[in-house]
């Protein structure tokens, strides 16, 4: 059976933590930043953690060797 291909777009968006959770960069921090509060921008800097239901899909289909 041939190797599965990694979806490269997913590989650029998601990464795994040491415990196997899926980490991603939060949205809404690219432009029009003047109207957003400092607290909101600060919280958007931290990585987001994907919930367990979607983690299984990412691991199985998009990043099989991640």
Protein backbone atom coordinates (compact mmCIF):
# COMPACT_ATOMS: atom_id res chain seq x y z
CA UNK A 1 0.00 0.00 0.00
CA UNK A 2 1.46 3.41 -0.91
CA UNK A 3 2.22 6.10 1.61
CA UNK A 4 -0.47 8.65 2.41
CA UNK A 5 0.25 12.21 1.34
CA UNK A 6 0.21 14.99 3.90
CA UNK A 7 -2.11 17.87 3.06
CA UNK A 8 0.44 20.67 2.85
CA UNK A 9 -2.08 23.43 3.55
CA UNK A 10 -2.97 21.71 6.83
CA UNK A 11 0.70 21.18 7.69
CA UNK A 12 1.24 24.94 7.46
CA UNK A 13 -1.76 25.74 9.66
CA UNK A 14 -1.58 23.10 12.40
CA UNK A 15 1.13 21.61 14.61
CA UNK A 16 1.10 19.10 17.45
CA UNK A 17 1.95 19.64 21.09
CA UNK A 18 3.98 17.14 23.07
CA UNK A 19 0.84 15.52 24.45
CA UNK A 20 -0.75 15.11 21.00
CA UNK A 21 -3.12 18.07 20.99
CA UNK A 22 -3.48 20.15 17.83
CA UNK A 23 -2.27 23.74 18.00
CA UNK A 24 -3.18 26.54 15.56
CA UNK A 25 -2.78 30.30 15.11
CA UNK A 26 -5.89 32.30 15.93
CA UNK A 27 -7.52 34.50 13.32
CA UNK A 28 -8.37 38.25 13.36
CA UNK A 29 -4.87 39.58 14.03
CA UNK A 30 -3.86 40.59 10.50
CA UNK A 31 -5.36 44.00 9.77
CA UNK A 32 -7.79 46.63 11.10
CA UNK A 33 -6.11 46.39 14.49
CA UNK A 34 -6.86 49.93 15.68
CA UNK A 35 -10.46 49.21 16.64
CA UNK A 36 -9.58 46.03 18.54
CA UNK A 37 -8.77 46.31 22.23
CA UNK A 38 -5.32 45.53 23.58
CA UNK A 39 -6.76 42.70 25.66
CA UNK A 40 -8.35 41.10 22.61
CA UNK A 41 -5.14 41.37 20.56
CA UNK A 42 -3.08 39.96 23.43
CA UNK A 43 -5.38 36.95 23.74
CA UNK A 44 -5.26 36.35 19.99
CA UNK A 45 -1.47 36.00 20.16
CA UNK A 46 -1.69 32.79 22.16
CA UNK A 47 -2.08 29.58 20.17
CA UNK A 48 -5.48 27.95 20.03
CA UNK A 49 -6.01 24.30 20.94
CA UNK A 50 -8.36 22.30 18.75
CA UNK A 51 -11.12 20.28 20.45
CA UNK A 52 -10.81 16.50 20.54
CA UNK A 53 -13.51 15.80 17.93
CA UNK A 54 -11.64 17.74 15.26
CA UNK A 55 -8.24 16.48 16.42
CA UNK A 56 -9.08 12.98 15.21
CA UNK A 57 -9.92 14.28 11.73
CA UNK A 58 -6.69 16.28 11.49
CA UNK A 59 -4.56 13.34 12.59
CA UNK A 60 -6.24 10.74 10.41
CA UNK A 61 -6.89 12.56 7.14
CA UNK A 62 -4.80 15.69 6.90
CA UNK A 63 -1.61 14.98 8.83
CA UNK A 64 -1.27 11.19 8.91
CA UNK A 65 2.42 11.28 9.92
CA UNK A 66 2.21 14.26 12.26
